[in-house]
């Protein structure tokens, strides 16, 4: 059985002053997460709000626990690597 997990992570970056600065942070965040974890990641919402970062992360595995652990590690990695505050975290896991 295959499991697909999707996490929607909302962050606040209160120090960001422009969309250009936000774009730089988001690009760095996405590259580092992709390099460290075997996931797909994209900025999916609030593209025009410079203090808000909303990303979605997708992961596929044959083990539900691996997906749950990976999503938790991704969120923790972002919090420890970037000066952002986690506002909301939603994770959905489905089996096929």
N, C-alpha and C. Protein backbone atom coordinates (compact mmCIF):
# COMPACT_ATOMS: atom_id res chain seq x y z
N UNK A 1 0.84 -1.18 0.00
CA UNK A 1 0.00 0.00 0.00
C UNK A 1 0.89 1.24 0.00
N UNK A 2 0.47 2.23 -0.73
CA UNK A 2 1.22 3.49 -0.80
C UNK A 2 0.46 4.56 -0.01
N UNK A 3 1.23 5.38 0.68
CA UNK A 3 0.68 6.51 1.44
C UNK A 3 1.21 7.80 0.83
N UNK A 4 0.34 8.79 0.77
CA UNK A 4 0.71 10.11 0.28
C UNK A 4 0.40 11.11 1.40
N UNK A 5 1.40 11.90 1.76
CA UNK A 5 1.21 12.89 2.79
C UNK A 5 1.41 14.29 2.24
N UNK A 6 0.56 15.20 2.66
CA UNK A 6 0.67 16.60 2.29
C UNK A 6 0.60 17.43 3.56
N UNK A 7 1.56 18.31 3.73
CA UNK A 7 1.56 19.21 4.87
C UNK A 7 1.46 20.64 4.36
N UNK A 8 0.63 21.43 5.01
CA UNK A 8 0.51 22.87 4.72
C UNK A 8 1.04 23.60 5.94
N UNK A 9 2.13 24.31 5.76
CA UNK A 9 2.80 25.00 6.86
C UNK A 9 2.73 26.50 6.66
N UNK A 10 2.20 27.21 7.64
CA UNK A 10 2.10 28.67 7.59
C UNK A 10 3.07 29.27 8.59
N UNK A 11 3.88 30.19 8.10
CA UNK A 11 4.88 30.85 8.93
C UNK A 11 4.70 32.36 8.87
N UNK A 12 5.17 33.01 9.91
CA UNK A 12 5.23 34.48 9.93
C UNK A 12 6.70 34.87 10.04
N UNK A 13 7.09 35.77 9.16
CA UNK A 13 8.45 36.31 9.17
C UNK A 13 8.32 37.82 9.37
N UNK A 14 8.23 38.24 10.61
CA UNK A 14 7.95 39.62 10.95
C UNK A 14 9.02 40.61 10.54
N UNK A 15 10.22 40.16 10.34
CA UNK A 15 11.34 41.04 10.01
C UNK A 15 11.44 41.35 8.51
N UNK A 16 10.71 40.64 7.68
CA UNK A 16 10.80 40.81 6.22
C UNK A 16 10.14 42.13 5.83
N UNK A 17 10.82 42.90 4.98
CA UNK A 17 10.35 44.23 4.61
C UNK A 17 9.87 44.35 3.17
N UNK A 18 10.11 43.32 2.34
CA UNK A 18 9.70 43.42 0.93
C UNK A 18 9.45 42.03 0.36
N UNK A 19 8.74 42.01 -0.76
CA UNK A 19 8.51 40.74 -1.45
C UNK A 19 9.81 40.15 -1.99
N UNK A 20 10.73 41.02 -2.38
CA UNK A 20 12.03 40.56 -2.88
C UNK A 20 12.79 39.82 -1.76
N UNK A 21 12.77 40.36 -0.57
CA UNK A 21 13.43 39.72 0.57
C UNK A 21 12.73 38.39 0.90
N UNK A 22 11.40 38.40 0.87
CA UNK A 22 10.65 37.16 1.14
C UNK A 22 10.99 36.10 0.11
N UNK A 23 11.04 36.48 -1.18
CA UNK A 23 11.34 35.53 -2.25
C UNK A 23 12.71 34.88 -2.03
N UNK A 24 13.68 35.68 -1.60
CA UNK A 24 15.02 35.15 -1.32
C UNK A 24 14.98 34.12 -0.19
N UNK A 25 14.23 34.41 0.86
CA UNK A 25 14.11 33.49 1.99
C UNK A 25 13.40 32.21 1.57
N UNK A 26 12.31 32.35 0.84
CA UNK A 26 11.53 31.18 0.41
C UNK A 26 12.35 30.30 -0.53
N UNK A 27 13.08 30.90 -1.46
CA UNK A 27 13.92 30.10 -2.36
C UNK A 27 14.99 29.34 -1.60
N UNK A 28 15.60 29.98 -0.62
CA UNK A 28 16.61 29.32 0.21
C UNK A 28 15.98 28.18 1.01
N UNK A 29 14.83 28.46 1.60
CA UNK A 29 14.11 27.47 2.40
C UNK A 29 13.78 26.25 1.55
N UNK A 30 13.22 26.47 0.37
CA UNK A 30 12.85 25.35 -0.50
C UNK A 30 14.07 24.53 -0.92
N UNK A 31 15.15 25.18 -1.27
CA UNK A 31 16.36 24.46 -1.70
C UNK A 31 16.92 23.62 -0.56
N UNK A 32 16.98 24.18 0.63
CA UNK A 32 17.54 23.44 1.77
C UNK A 32 16.66 22.25 2.16
N UNK A 33 15.34 22.44 2.14
CA UNK A 33 14.45 21.32 2.47
C UNK A 33 14.55 20.23 1.41
N UNK A 34 14.58 20.59 0.13
CA UNK A 34 14.72 19.60 -0.94
C UNK A 34 16.02 18.82 -0.82
N UNK A 35 17.11 19.52 -0.48
CA UNK A 35 18.40 18.85 -0.36
C UNK A 35 18.48 17.92 0.84
N UNK A 36 17.78 18.25 1.92
CA UNK A 36 17.89 17.46 3.14
C UNK A 36 16.88 16.31 3.20
N UNK A 37 15.69 16.52 2.64
CA UNK A 37 14.62 15.53 2.72
C UNK A 37 14.16 15.14 1.32
N UNK A 38 13.64 13.97 1.18
CA UNK A 38 13.14 13.49 -0.11
C UNK A 38 11.66 13.87 -0.25
N UNK A 39 11.40 15.17 -0.43
CA UNK A 39 10.03 15.69 -0.52
C UNK A 39 9.91 16.69 -1.65
N UNK A 40 8.69 16.96 -2.03
CA UNK A 40 8.40 18.06 -2.95
C UNK A 40 7.91 19.22 -2.11
N UNK A 41 8.29 20.44 -2.48
CA UNK A 41 7.92 21.61 -1.69
C UNK A 41 7.65 22.78 -2.62
N UNK A 42 6.62 23.57 -2.25
CA UNK A 42 6.25 24.72 -3.06
C UNK A 42 5.60 25.78 -2.17
N UNK A 43 5.80 27.04 -2.52
CA UNK A 43 5.06 28.12 -1.87
C UNK A 43 3.69 28.15 -2.53
N UNK A 44 2.62 28.04 -1.74
CA UNK A 44 1.30 27.84 -2.33
C UNK A 44 0.29 28.94 -2.04
N UNK A 45 0.53 29.78 -1.05
CA UNK A 45 -0.45 30.82 -0.71
C UNK A 45 0.27 32.09 -0.26
N UNK A 46 -0.48 33.17 -0.15
CA UNK A 46 0.02 34.45 0.34
C UNK A 46 1.25 34.93 -0.42
N UNK A 47 1.24 34.73 -1.72
CA UNK A 47 2.40 35.07 -2.54
C UNK A 47 2.67 36.58 -2.54
N UNK A 48 1.65 37.39 -2.32
CA UNK A 48 1.82 38.84 -2.35
C UNK A 48 1.87 39.48 -0.96
N UNK A 49 1.99 38.66 0.09
CA UNK A 49 2.08 39.19 1.45
C UNK A 49 3.49 38.92 1.97
N UNK A 50 4.26 39.97 2.19
CA UNK A 50 5.68 39.79 2.46
C UNK A 50 6.00 39.23 3.84
N UNK A 51 5.11 39.28 4.80
CA UNK A 51 5.40 38.74 6.13
C UNK A 51 4.86 37.33 6.34
N UNK A 52 4.11 36.83 5.37
CA UNK A 52 3.49 35.51 5.47
C UNK A 52 4.10 34.54 4.47
N UNK A 53 4.48 33.36 4.96
CA UNK A 53 5.02 32.30 4.10
C UNK A 53 4.17 31.06 4.30
N UNK A 54 3.55 30.59 3.24
CA UNK A 54 2.75 29.37 3.29
C UNK A 54 3.34 28.41 2.27
N UNK A 55 3.79 27.27 2.77
CA UNK A 55 4.37 26.27 1.87
C UNK A 55 3.61 24.96 2.02
N UNK A 56 3.65 24.18 0.98
CA UNK A 56 3.08 22.83 1.00
C UNK A 56 4.20 21.85 0.71
N UNK A 57 4.17 20.75 1.44
CA UNK A 57 5.19 19.71 1.31
C UNK A 57 4.47 18.40 1.02
N UNK A 58 4.96 17.64 0.05
CA UNK A 58 4.36 16.35 -0.30
C UNK A 58 5.40 15.24 -0.18
N UNK A 59 4.94 14.09 0.28
CA UNK A 59 5.83 12.94 0.50
C UNK A 59 5.05 11.66 0.20
N UNK A 60 5.73 10.68 -0.40
CA UNK A 60 5.12 9.39 -0.71
C UNK A 60 5.98 8.30 -0.07
N UNK A 61 5.31 7.32 0.56
CA UNK A 61 6.03 6.22 1.18
C UNK A 61 5.10 5.02 1.33
N UNK A 62 5.69 3.87 1.59
CA UNK A 62 4.88 2.67 1.87
C UNK A 62 4.58 2.55 3.36
N UNK A 63 5.10 3.49 4.16
CA UNK A 63 4.92 3.46 5.62
C UNK A 63 4.38 4.80 6.11
N UNK A 64 3.22 4.78 6.71
CA UNK A 64 2.57 5.99 7.22
C UNK A 64 3.44 6.70 8.26
N UNK A 65 4.09 5.93 9.12
CA UNK A 65 4.94 6.52 10.17
C UNK A 65 6.11 7.31 9.59
N UNK A 66 6.64 6.85 8.48
CA UNK A 66 7.74 7.58 7.83
C UNK A 66 7.26 8.94 7.35
N UNK A 67 6.07 8.99 6.77
CA UNK A 67 5.52 10.26 6.31
C UNK A 67 5.30 11.21 7.49
N UNK A 68 4.69 10.70 8.56
CA UNK A 68 4.44 11.55 9.73
C UNK A 68 5.76 12.09 10.30
N UNK A 69 6.75 11.24 10.40
CA UNK A 69 8.05 11.65 10.91
C UNK A 69 8.75 12.65 10.01
N UNK A 70 8.68 12.41 8.71
CA UNK A 70 9.31 13.32 7.76
C UNK A 70 8.67 14.70 7.81
N UNK A 71 7.36 14.75 7.86
CA UNK A 71 6.68 16.05 7.91
C UNK A 71 7.04 16.81 9.19
N UNK A 72 7.14 16.09 10.29
CA UNK A 72 7.52 16.72 11.57
C UNK A 72 8.96 17.24 11.48
N UNK A 73 9.85 16.44 10.90
CA UNK A 73 11.25 16.85 10.76
C UNK A 73 11.41 18.05 9.84
N UNK A 74 10.60 18.12 8.77
CA UNK A 74 10.66 19.26 7.86
C UNK A 74 10.26 20.54 8.60
N UNK A 75 9.15 20.49 9.33
CA UNK A 75 8.70 21.67 10.09
C UNK A 75 9.75 22.08 11.12
N UNK A 76 10.30 21.12 11.85
CA UNK A 76 11.33 21.43 12.84
C UNK A 76 12.58 22.02 12.19
N UNK A 77 12.99 21.46 11.05
CA UNK A 77 14.16 21.96 10.34
C UNK A 77 13.97 23.42 9.93
N UNK A 78 12.81 23.74 9.40
CA UNK A 78 12.54 25.12 8.99
C UNK A 78 12.58 26.05 10.19
N UNK A 79 11.96 25.65 11.28
CA UNK A 79 11.95 26.49 12.48
C UNK A 79 13.34 26.70 13.05
N UNK A 80 14.19 25.69 12.97
CA UNK A 80 15.54 25.79 13.52
C UNK A 80 16.52 26.47 12.56
N UNK A 81 16.20 26.50 11.27
CA UNK A 81 17.13 27.04 10.28
C UNK A 81 16.80 28.46 9.83
N UNK A 82 15.58 28.90 10.05
CA UNK A 82 15.14 30.21 9.58
C UNK A 82 14.47 30.96 10.73
N UNK A 83 14.52 32.26 10.66
CA UNK A 83 13.93 33.12 11.68
C UNK A 83 12.45 33.33 11.36
N UNK A 84 11.66 32.27 11.57
CA UNK A 84 10.23 32.31 11.29
C UNK A 84 9.47 31.72 12.48
N UNK A 85 8.19 32.08 12.55
CA UNK A 85 7.31 31.59 13.60
C UNK A 85 6.24 30.73 12.94
N UNK A 86 6.04 29.51 13.44
CA UNK A 86 5.02 28.62 12.90
C UNK A 86 3.65 29.09 13.37
N UNK A 87 2.77 29.41 12.43
CA UNK A 87 1.42 29.88 12.74
C UNK A 87 0.42 28.73 12.70
N UNK A 88 0.54 27.91 11.66
CA UNK A 88 -0.42 26.81 11.49
C UNK A 88 0.26 25.66 10.77
N UNK A 89 -0.11 24.45 11.17
CA UNK A 89 0.42 23.24 10.54
C UNK A 89 -0.73 22.26 10.33
N UNK A 90 -0.93 21.85 9.09
CA UNK A 90 -1.96 20.88 8.76
C UNK A 90 -1.31 19.76 7.96
N UNK A 91 -1.57 18.52 8.37
CA UNK A 91 -1.01 17.37 7.66
C UNK A 91 -2.14 16.42 7.29
N UNK A 92 -2.16 16.00 6.03
CA UNK A 92 -3.13 15.05 5.54
C UNK A 92 -2.38 13.85 4.98
N UNK A 93 -2.81 12.65 5.38
CA UNK A 93 -2.18 11.44 4.87
C UNK A 93 -3.30 10.54 4.35
N UNK A 94 -3.13 10.04 3.13
CA UNK A 94 -4.12 9.18 2.53
C UNK A 94 -3.42 7.94 1.97
N UNK A 95 -4.14 6.86 1.89
CA UNK A 95 -3.55 5.63 1.34
C UNK A 95 -4.19 5.27 0.01
N UNK A 96 -3.40 4.61 -0.84
CA UNK A 96 -3.86 4.20 -2.16
C UNK A 96 -3.54 2.75 -2.40
